[in-house]
N, C-alpha and C. Protein backbone atom coordinates (compact mmCIF):
# COMPACT_ATOMS: atom_id res chain seq x y z
N MET A 1 -38.29 -12.83 5.77
CA MET A 1 -37.32 -12.44 5.05
C MET A 1 -36.88 -12.71 4.09
N ALA A 2 -38.06 -12.64 3.71
CA ALA A 2 -38.30 -13.07 1.36
C ALA A 2 -38.72 -11.07 0.59
N GLY A 3 -39.28 -10.98 1.55
CA GLY A 3 -39.71 -9.36 1.65
C GLY A 3 -38.77 -8.01 2.30
N LYS A 4 -37.45 -8.40 2.78
CA LYS A 4 -35.97 -6.93 3.14
C LYS A 4 -35.66 -7.27 1.58
N ARG A 5 -35.39 -5.41 1.47
CA ARG A 5 -34.72 -5.06 0.06
C ARG A 5 -32.85 -4.48 0.56
N LYS A 6 -32.22 -5.15 -0.62
CA LYS A 6 -30.73 -4.87 0.05
C LYS A 6 -30.75 -3.15 0.76
N TRP A 7 -30.89 -2.38 0.57
CA TRP A 7 -31.45 -1.25 0.69
C TRP A 7 -31.70 -0.94 1.90
N GLU A 8 -32.34 -1.79 2.96
CA GLU A 8 -32.88 -1.06 4.35
C GLU A 8 -32.15 -2.00 5.46
N GLN A 9 -31.49 -0.64 6.22
CA GLN A 9 -30.82 -1.04 7.17
C GLN A 9 -31.50 -1.87 8.51
N PHE A 10 -30.87 -2.64 9.39
CA PHE A 10 -31.32 -2.51 10.43
C PHE A 10 -31.42 -2.02 11.47
N ARG A 11 -31.41 -2.11 12.48
CA ARG A 11 -31.90 -0.58 13.78
C ARG A 11 -31.51 -1.06 14.72
N TRP A 12 -30.78 -0.17 14.82
CA TRP A 12 -30.43 -0.81 16.76
C TRP A 12 -31.04 -0.22 17.34
N THR A 13 -31.26 -1.28 17.97
CA THR A 13 -32.21 -1.27 19.28
C THR A 13 -31.28 -1.53 20.81
N LYS A 14 -31.88 -0.20 22.21
CA LYS A 14 -31.34 -0.84 23.42
C LYS A 14 -31.10 -2.19 23.17
N GLU A 15 -31.79 -2.94 23.63
CA GLU A 15 -32.30 -4.28 23.53
C GLU A 15 -31.02 -5.24 22.36
N ALA A 16 -31.22 -5.01 21.19
CA ALA A 16 -30.42 -5.28 20.31
C ALA A 16 -28.68 -4.96 20.96
N GLU A 17 -28.65 -3.59 21.35
CA GLU A 17 -26.49 -3.28 21.89
C GLU A 17 -26.16 -4.59 22.91
N ALA A 18 -27.25 -4.21 24.07
CA ALA A 18 -27.12 -4.80 25.46
C ALA A 18 -26.24 -6.44 24.18
N HIS A 19 -27.95 -7.24 23.10
CA HIS A 19 -26.99 -8.60 24.01
C HIS A 19 -25.39 -8.56 22.86
N MET A 20 -25.24 -7.25 21.87
CA MET A 20 -24.31 -7.67 20.99
C MET A 20 -23.22 -8.03 22.55
N GLU A 21 -23.35 -6.27 23.37
CA GLU A 21 -22.61 -5.43 24.31
C GLU A 21 -22.21 -6.79 25.17
N ARG A 22 -22.97 -7.95 25.31
CA ARG A 22 -22.70 -9.34 26.41
C ARG A 22 -22.06 -10.33 25.43
N MET A 23 -22.51 -10.61 24.28
CA MET A 23 -21.75 -11.74 23.59
C MET A 23 -20.34 -10.96 23.33
N TYR A 24 -20.36 -9.61 23.38
CA TYR A 24 -19.22 -9.38 22.87
C TYR A 24 -17.58 -9.13 23.83
N VAL A 25 -18.54 -8.37 25.13
CA VAL A 25 -17.78 -8.66 26.68
C VAL A 25 -17.32 -9.90 26.97
N PHE A 26 -18.40 -10.95 27.43
CA PHE A 26 -18.56 -11.52 27.95
C PHE A 26 -18.43 -12.53 28.07
N GLU A 27 -18.86 -13.10 26.70
CA GLU A 27 -18.56 -14.07 26.54
C GLU A 27 -17.75 -15.00 25.60
N LYS A 28 -17.11 -13.33 24.94
CA LYS A 28 -16.01 -13.64 23.87
C LYS A 28 -16.12 -13.61 22.72
N MET A 29 -17.62 -13.10 21.60
CA MET A 29 -17.92 -13.84 20.41
C MET A 29 -16.32 -13.50 19.10
N SER A 30 -16.85 -13.12 18.92
CA SER A 30 -16.28 -13.09 17.70
C SER A 30 -17.06 -11.63 16.49
N ALA A 31 -17.23 -11.39 15.73
CA ALA A 31 -17.86 -10.28 15.03
C ALA A 31 -18.91 -10.91 13.75
N LYS A 32 -18.54 -12.14 13.48
CA LYS A 32 -18.75 -12.24 12.93
C LYS A 32 -20.19 -13.83 13.72
N GLN A 33 -20.08 -14.50 14.83
CA GLN A 33 -20.17 -15.28 16.31
C GLN A 33 -21.57 -13.88 16.12
N ILE A 34 -21.19 -13.08 16.98
CA ILE A 34 -22.15 -12.07 16.29
C ILE A 34 -23.38 -11.73 15.62
N SER A 35 -22.65 -11.55 15.13
CA SER A 35 -23.88 -10.80 13.61
C SER A 35 -24.52 -12.04 13.50
N GLU A 36 -24.24 -13.29 13.41
CA GLU A 36 -25.05 -14.68 13.57
C GLU A 36 -25.85 -14.70 14.02
N LYS A 37 -25.23 -15.14 15.80
CA LYS A 37 -26.60 -14.78 16.43
C LYS A 37 -27.82 -13.80 16.74
N LEU A 38 -27.27 -12.55 15.90
CA LEU A 38 -28.31 -12.00 16.48
C LEU A 38 -29.88 -12.18 15.18
N CYS A 39 -29.17 -12.14 15.07
CA CYS A 39 -29.59 -12.24 12.56
C CYS A 39 -30.61 -13.72 13.15
N GLU A 40 -30.30 -15.03 14.10
CA GLU A 40 -31.72 -15.02 13.81
C GLU A 40 -32.57 -15.07 15.34
N MET A 41 -31.76 -14.16 16.63
CA MET A 41 -32.78 -13.06 17.42
C MET A 41 -33.61 -12.74 16.69
N TYR A 42 -33.58 -12.04 16.32
CA TYR A 42 -34.06 -10.78 15.13
C TYR A 42 -35.08 -11.43 13.79
N ASP A 43 -34.56 -12.34 13.12
CA ASP A 43 -34.99 -13.15 12.11
C ASP A 43 -35.34 -12.11 11.24
N THR A 44 -33.63 -11.59 10.44
CA THR A 44 -33.74 -10.32 9.37
C THR A 44 -31.62 -11.48 9.33
N ASP A 45 -31.64 -10.93 7.36
CA ASP A 45 -29.54 -10.97 7.47
C ASP A 45 -29.62 -9.58 7.23
N LEU A 46 -29.75 -8.74 7.77
CA LEU A 46 -29.65 -7.61 7.28
C LEU A 46 -28.06 -6.93 9.25
N ILE A 47 -28.05 -8.24 9.43
CA ILE A 47 -27.25 -7.58 10.35
C ILE A 47 -26.40 -8.10 10.30
N THR A 48 -24.27 -7.80 9.96
CA THR A 48 -23.12 -7.89 8.50
C THR A 48 -22.53 -8.06 9.82
N ARG A 49 -21.67 -8.59 10.18
CA ARG A 49 -19.93 -8.81 10.39
C ARG A 49 -19.63 -7.23 10.81
N ASN A 50 -19.58 -6.43 9.70
CA ASN A 50 -19.37 -5.49 9.65
C ASN A 50 -19.68 -3.81 10.56
N ALA A 51 -21.10 -4.26 10.53
CA ALA A 51 -21.96 -3.46 11.22
C ALA A 51 -21.64 -3.80 13.06
N VAL A 52 -21.39 -5.26 13.47
CA VAL A 52 -21.11 -5.55 14.90
C VAL A 52 -19.58 -5.10 14.02
N VAL A 53 -19.00 -4.67 14.28
CA VAL A 53 -18.04 -4.43 14.65
C VAL A 53 -17.49 -2.98 14.70
N GLY A 54 -18.61 -2.19 13.36
CA GLY A 54 -18.75 -0.43 13.70
C GLY A 54 -19.36 -0.37 15.10
N LYS A 55 -20.34 -1.11 15.29
CA LYS A 55 -21.13 -0.48 16.57
C LYS A 55 -20.71 -0.86 17.99
N ILE A 56 -19.48 -1.98 17.54
CA ILE A 56 -18.18 -1.93 18.99
C ILE A 56 -17.52 -1.14 18.74
N ASP A 57 -17.02 -0.63 17.38
CA ASP A 57 -15.87 0.90 17.75
C ASP A 57 -16.76 1.83 18.37
N ARG A 58 -18.16 1.93 18.27
CA ARG A 58 -18.23 3.14 17.99
C ARG A 58 -18.62 3.25 19.45
N LYS A 59 -19.56 2.55 20.40
CA LYS A 59 -20.21 2.87 21.65
C LYS A 59 -17.97 2.38 22.42
N GLY A 60 -17.06 1.82 21.87
CA GLY A 60 -15.77 2.31 22.69
C GLY A 60 -15.57 0.45 23.19
N LEU A 61 -15.93 -0.58 22.83
CA LEU A 61 -15.77 -1.69 24.29
C LEU A 61 -14.91 -2.44 23.97
N TYR A 62 -14.33 -2.50 24.85
CA TYR A 62 -13.16 -3.44 24.73
C TYR A 62 -13.17 -5.05 26.14
N ARG A 63 -12.43 -5.63 25.61
CA ARG A 63 -11.74 -6.90 26.42
C ARG A 63 -10.49 -6.65 26.29
N GLU A 64 -10.94 -8.24 27.46
CA GLU A 64 -9.81 -8.60 28.13
C GLU A 64 -9.36 -9.48 26.77
N PRO A 65 -8.23 -8.92 26.20
CA PRO A 65 -7.25 -10.07 24.88
C PRO A 65 -7.80 -11.75 25.49
N LEU A 66 -7.62 -12.73 24.59
CA LEU A 66 -7.71 -14.20 25.13
C LEU A 66 -6.29 -14.80 25.53
N LYS A 67 -7.09 -15.72 27.10
CA LYS A 67 -6.04 -16.62 27.26
C LYS A 67 -5.73 -17.50 26.74
N GLY A 68 -4.75 -18.01 26.54
CA GLY A 68 -3.79 -18.47 25.67
C GLY A 68 -2.56 -18.28 25.67
N LYS A 69 -1.45 -18.58 24.05
CA LYS A 69 -1.10 -18.30 23.43
C LYS A 69 -0.80 -16.68 23.60
N PRO A 70 0.30 -15.68 23.92
CA PRO A 70 0.54 -14.28 23.77
C PRO A 70 0.51 -14.26 22.45
N ARG A 71 0.11 -12.98 21.92
CA ARG A 71 0.53 -12.92 20.33
C ARG A 71 2.64 -12.47 20.44
N LYS A 72 2.61 -13.25 19.19
CA LYS A 72 4.12 -12.54 18.52
C LYS A 72 3.93 -11.49 18.43
N LYS A 73 5.56 -11.07 18.74
CA LYS A 73 6.40 -9.22 18.21
C LYS A 73 6.68 -9.64 16.75
N PRO A 74 6.15 -8.54 16.43
CA PRO A 74 6.55 -8.53 14.75
C PRO A 74 7.52 -8.60 15.02
N PHE A 75 8.15 -9.88 13.56
CA PHE A 75 10.15 -9.65 13.81
C PHE A 75 10.89 -8.77 13.00
N MET A 76 11.18 -7.85 13.67
CA MET A 76 12.61 -6.95 12.95
C MET A 76 13.78 -7.11 13.66
N MET A 77 15.00 -7.46 12.81
CA MET A 77 16.02 -7.52 12.01
C MET A 77 16.75 -6.16 13.28
N GLU A 78 17.63 -6.16 13.75
CA GLU A 78 18.75 -5.12 14.24
C GLU A 78 19.88 -4.80 13.19
N PRO A 79 19.67 -3.26 12.74
CA PRO A 79 20.62 -3.54 11.18
C PRO A 79 22.19 -4.09 11.53
N SER A 80 22.63 -4.32 10.94
CA SER A 80 25.08 -5.10 11.36
C SER A 80 24.58 -4.62 10.64
N LYS A 81 25.73 -4.29 11.17
CA LYS A 81 27.54 -3.82 10.64
C LYS A 81 27.62 -3.87 8.71
N LYS A 82 27.53 -4.76 8.64
CA LYS A 82 27.10 -4.58 6.93
C LYS A 82 26.60 -4.37 6.33
N SER A 83 25.07 -4.16 6.36
CA SER A 83 23.88 -3.67 6.14
C SER A 83 24.16 -2.28 6.26
N SER A 84 24.96 -1.94 7.17
CA SER A 84 25.73 -0.01 6.52
C SER A 84 26.04 0.76 5.96
N ALA A 85 27.63 -0.77 6.04
CA ALA A 85 28.10 -0.87 4.58
C ALA A 85 27.81 -0.71 3.97
N ARG A 86 26.72 -1.21 3.29
CA ARG A 86 26.10 -1.60 2.36
C ARG A 86 25.29 -0.91 1.45
N LYS A 87 24.71 -0.09 2.86
CA LYS A 87 23.52 1.56 2.95
C LYS A 87 24.72 2.69 1.93
N MET A 88 26.12 2.28 2.87
CA MET A 88 26.52 3.89 2.04
C MET A 88 26.77 3.37 1.10
N GLU A 89 27.39 2.09 0.79
CA GLU A 89 27.94 1.35 -0.69
C GLU A 89 26.33 2.34 -1.95
N SER A 90 25.59 1.52 -1.75
CA SER A 90 24.39 2.02 -2.56
C SER A 90 24.41 3.48 -3.24
N GLN A 91 24.21 4.06 -1.63
CA GLN A 91 24.09 5.92 -1.73
C GLN A 91 25.05 6.43 -2.52
N GLU A 92 27.00 6.00 -2.22
CA GLU A 92 27.21 6.43 -3.33
C GLU A 92 27.53 5.60 -4.90
N ALA A 93 27.35 4.71 -4.88
CA ALA A 93 26.53 4.25 -6.64
C ALA A 93 25.75 4.99 -6.98
N HIS A 94 24.80 5.05 -6.16
CA HIS A 94 23.10 5.85 -6.99
C HIS A 94 24.29 7.81 -7.31
N LYS A 95 25.09 8.58 -6.27
CA LYS A 95 25.41 9.21 -6.66
C LYS A 95 26.09 9.71 -8.54
N ALA A 96 26.79 7.61 -8.35
CA ALA A 96 28.00 7.89 -9.50
C ALA A 96 27.31 7.81 -10.80
N ARG A 97 25.83 7.13 -9.65
CA ARG A 97 25.11 6.63 -11.36
C ARG A 97 24.24 7.72 -12.23
N SER A 98 23.28 8.89 -10.35
CA SER A 98 23.11 10.34 -11.03
C SER A 98 23.65 10.91 -11.92
N GLN A 99 25.16 11.63 -11.55
CA GLN A 99 25.97 11.98 -12.02
C GLN A 99 27.05 11.16 -13.62
N ARG A 100 26.52 10.10 -13.31
CA ARG A 100 26.90 9.86 -15.09
C ARG A 100 25.89 10.17 -16.03
N GLY A 101 24.10 10.08 -15.33
CA GLY A 101 23.50 10.43 -16.19
C GLY A 101 23.42 12.07 -16.38
N ALA A 102 23.79 12.73 -15.70
CA ALA A 102 24.48 13.97 -16.07
C ALA A 102 25.21 14.46 -17.59
N SER A 103 25.85 13.76 -17.98
CA SER A 103 26.81 13.93 -18.93
C SER A 103 25.73 13.94 -20.35
N LEU A 104 24.94 13.48 -20.36
CA LEU A 104 23.78 13.62 -20.99
C LEU A 104 23.00 14.68 -21.97
N GLN A 105 23.66 15.76 -21.90
CA GLN A 105 22.59 16.95 -22.27
C GLN A 105 20.90 16.01 -23.02
N PRO A 106 20.38 16.56 -22.72
CA PRO A 106 18.70 16.93 -23.88
C PRO A 106 19.64 17.47 -24.97
N LYS A 107 18.45 17.17 -26.24
CA LYS A 107 18.71 17.49 -27.50
C LYS A 107 18.60 19.01 -27.04
N SER A 108 19.18 20.77 -27.85
CA SER A 108 19.13 21.31 -27.19
C SER A 108 17.92 22.11 -27.80
N PRO A 109 16.32 22.69 -27.34
CA PRO A 109 16.78 22.82 -25.91
C PRO A 109 16.06 21.93 -24.16
N GLY A 110 16.35 20.35 -25.74
CA GLY A 110 14.85 19.71 -25.28
C GLY A 110 13.56 19.33 -25.59
N LEU A 111 13.36 17.82 -26.03
CA LEU A 111 11.85 18.33 -26.17
C LEU A 111 10.64 18.96 -25.43
N SER A 112 9.47 18.82 -25.80
CA SER A 112 8.74 18.75 -25.09
C SER A 112 7.28 18.17 -25.07
N LEU A 113 6.89 17.54 -24.14
CA LEU A 113 5.64 16.35 -24.56
C LEU A 113 5.29 16.46 -26.21
N LEU A 114 4.76 17.31 -26.13
CA LEU A 114 4.40 17.42 -27.88
C LEU A 114 4.44 17.77 -28.92
N ASP A 115 6.27 17.78 -28.65
CA ASP A 115 8.08 17.92 -29.53
C ASP A 115 8.21 16.66 -30.19
N ILE A 116 8.41 15.79 -28.74
CA ILE A 116 8.82 13.67 -29.04
C ILE A 116 8.19 12.83 -29.76
N GLY A 117 8.84 12.45 -30.97
CA GLY A 117 8.77 11.16 -31.45
C GLY A 117 8.59 9.79 -31.22
N ALA A 118 8.31 8.90 -31.43
CA ALA A 118 8.10 8.41 -30.83
C ALA A 118 9.54 7.54 -31.08
N GLU A 119 10.44 7.64 -31.57
CA GLU A 119 11.53 7.25 -31.97
C GLU A 119 13.05 8.09 -30.26
N ASP A 120 12.34 9.16 -29.72
CA ASP A 120 12.54 10.12 -29.14
C ASP A 120 13.23 9.47 -27.61
N CYS A 121 13.63 9.56 -27.28
CA CYS A 121 13.37 9.28 -25.49
C CYS A 121 13.14 10.02 -24.66
N ARG A 122 12.51 9.19 -23.47
CA ARG A 122 11.58 9.48 -23.49
C ARG A 122 11.72 10.16 -21.55
N PHE A 123 13.63 10.81 -21.60
CA PHE A 123 13.74 10.38 -19.86
C PHE A 123 13.57 11.94 -19.54
N PRO A 124 12.91 11.88 -18.72
CA PRO A 124 12.77 13.80 -18.68
C PRO A 124 13.73 14.37 -17.28
N TYR A 125 13.86 15.70 -17.28
CA TYR A 125 14.34 16.88 -17.51
C TYR A 125 13.85 17.56 -16.15
N GLY A 126 14.34 17.89 -14.93
CA GLY A 126 13.67 19.12 -14.68
C GLY A 126 12.32 18.50 -13.66
N ASP A 127 13.19 19.31 -11.81
CA ASP A 127 11.16 19.12 -11.27
C ASP A 127 9.90 19.60 -10.82
N ASN A 128 10.50 20.22 -12.17
CA ASN A 128 10.04 22.24 -12.59
C ASN A 128 8.87 22.55 -13.60
N PRO A 129 7.87 22.50 -13.75
CA PRO A 129 8.07 23.29 -15.74
C PRO A 129 7.72 24.02 -16.42
N PRO A 130 8.64 23.82 -17.03
CA PRO A 130 8.14 23.25 -18.57
C PRO A 130 9.05 22.27 -18.14
N TYR A 131 8.71 20.74 -18.37
CA TYR A 131 9.74 19.48 -18.24
C TYR A 131 10.00 19.53 -19.80
N THR A 132 11.11 18.47 -19.95
CA THR A 132 11.81 18.72 -21.52
C THR A 132 11.88 17.56 -21.08
N PHE A 133 12.79 16.56 -22.43
CA PHE A 133 13.00 15.61 -21.76
C PHE A 133 14.87 14.98 -22.69
N CYS A 134 15.02 13.74 -22.96
CA CYS A 134 15.93 14.06 -23.89
C CYS A 134 15.74 14.59 -24.99
N GLY A 135 15.20 13.32 -25.70
CA GLY A 135 15.06 13.37 -27.63
C GLY A 135 16.34 12.42 -28.24
N HIS A 136 17.22 12.35 -27.06
CA HIS A 136 18.53 11.14 -27.74
C HIS A 136 17.59 10.01 -28.48
N PRO A 137 18.30 9.08 -29.68
CA PRO A 137 17.71 7.70 -29.90
C PRO A 137 17.56 7.28 -29.35
N ILE A 138 15.92 6.70 -29.78
CA ILE A 138 16.64 5.53 -27.63
C ILE A 138 16.82 3.92 -28.63
N GLU A 139 16.47 3.36 -27.68
CA GLU A 139 17.34 1.69 -27.76
C GLU A 139 15.76 1.22 -28.27
N PRO A 140 16.09 -0.11 -29.25
CA PRO A 140 14.84 -0.64 -30.18
C PRO A 140 15.00 -1.51 -29.12
N GLY A 141 12.65 -1.30 -28.82
CA GLY A 141 11.94 -1.83 -27.74
C GLY A 141 11.83 -0.77 -26.50
N LYS A 142 13.13 0.03 -26.73
CA LYS A 142 13.04 0.43 -24.99
C LYS A 142 12.42 2.35 -25.31
N ALA A 143 12.13 2.35 -23.73
CA ALA A 143 11.96 4.22 -23.74
C ALA A 143 12.35 5.26 -23.90
N TYR A 144 13.78 3.95 -23.47
CA TYR A 144 15.07 5.81 -23.42
C TYR A 144 16.70 5.56 -24.27
N CYS A 145 17.25 5.99 -24.00
CA CYS A 145 18.50 6.48 -25.20
C CYS A 145 19.71 5.04 -24.53
N LYS A 146 20.23 4.64 -24.85
CA LYS A 146 21.34 3.50 -24.32
C LYS A 146 21.89 4.21 -23.27
N GLU A 147 21.93 5.66 -23.23
CA GLU A 147 22.91 6.09 -21.67
C GLU A 147 22.24 5.78 -20.92
N HIS A 148 20.21 6.31 -20.34
CA HIS A 148 20.04 6.12 -20.02
C HIS A 148 18.97 5.32 -19.78
N GLN A 149 19.08 4.21 -20.36
CA GLN A 149 18.18 3.06 -20.13
C GLN A 149 19.22 2.13 -18.64
N THR A 150 20.49 1.85 -19.74
CA THR A 150 21.76 2.35 -18.24
C THR A 150 21.82 2.75 -16.61
N LEU A 151 21.27 4.23 -16.84
CA LEU A 151 21.14 4.64 -15.54
C LEU A 151 19.91 4.41 -14.79
N CYS A 152 19.45 4.15 -16.03
CA CYS A 152 17.54 4.26 -15.01
C CYS A 152 17.04 2.71 -14.68
N HIS A 153 17.71 1.19 -15.55
CA HIS A 153 17.16 0.15 -14.87
C HIS A 153 18.42 -1.00 -14.64
N GLN A 154 19.31 -1.14 -13.67
CA GLN A 154 20.43 -1.08 -12.87
C GLN A 154 20.02 -2.99 -12.72
N ARG A 155 21.10 -3.59 -12.98
CA ARG A 155 21.11 -5.46 -12.13
C ARG A 155 21.15 -5.54 -11.09
N LEU A 156 20.19 -6.36 -10.33
CA LEU A 156 20.69 -6.40 -8.53
C LEU A 156 22.00 -7.38 -8.58
N VAL A 157 23.01 -6.66 -7.17
CA VAL A 157 24.12 -7.05 -7.29
C VAL A 157 23.86 -8.16 -6.02
N PRO A 158 24.52 -9.32 -6.45
CA PRO A 158 23.43 -10.55 -5.60
C PRO A 158 24.41 -9.80 -4.02
N LYS A 159 24.13 -10.48 -3.03
CA LYS A 159 24.25 -10.26 -1.36
C LYS A 159 25.81 -10.74 -1.31
N GLU A 160 26.60 -10.21 -0.37
CA GLU A 160 27.47 -11.57 -0.06
C GLU A 160 27.63 -12.19 0.47
N SER A 161 27.24 -12.71 0.99
CA SER A 161 27.29 -14.17 2.57
C SER A 161 28.35 -14.40 3.39
């Protein structure tokens, strides 16, 4: 093992594959356990857990699930009537907020990225080039003017129990 270089790879032989397959399918060993056992058998440290996992995957090996506790299914909540109503309320609130933001027009014709100054609102307008920005005076320490700051950063409303 002392003379091994990091870039060397273990060459999988038919014998090594057979040992791996037996340990995985019949002895139900984990990939880490298999790699440790194969490293011992072949006096190398080049057989990693990932090498074993890759070989198992490429060979299409399958084994029965371990007996014992059945796997838990992921927890999925059924949507309640309240959550559906809250979702509708939030969609309506979003529409109202976006209409409020539309009332503030950019400085005509809108500032380009190169024209925007350190004290100008950086709220973008448009989905396609040329992109323009609001350009109104910003709130101290913020990137947007007061109206766009309010539009973009809404406080969370606590849930009703």
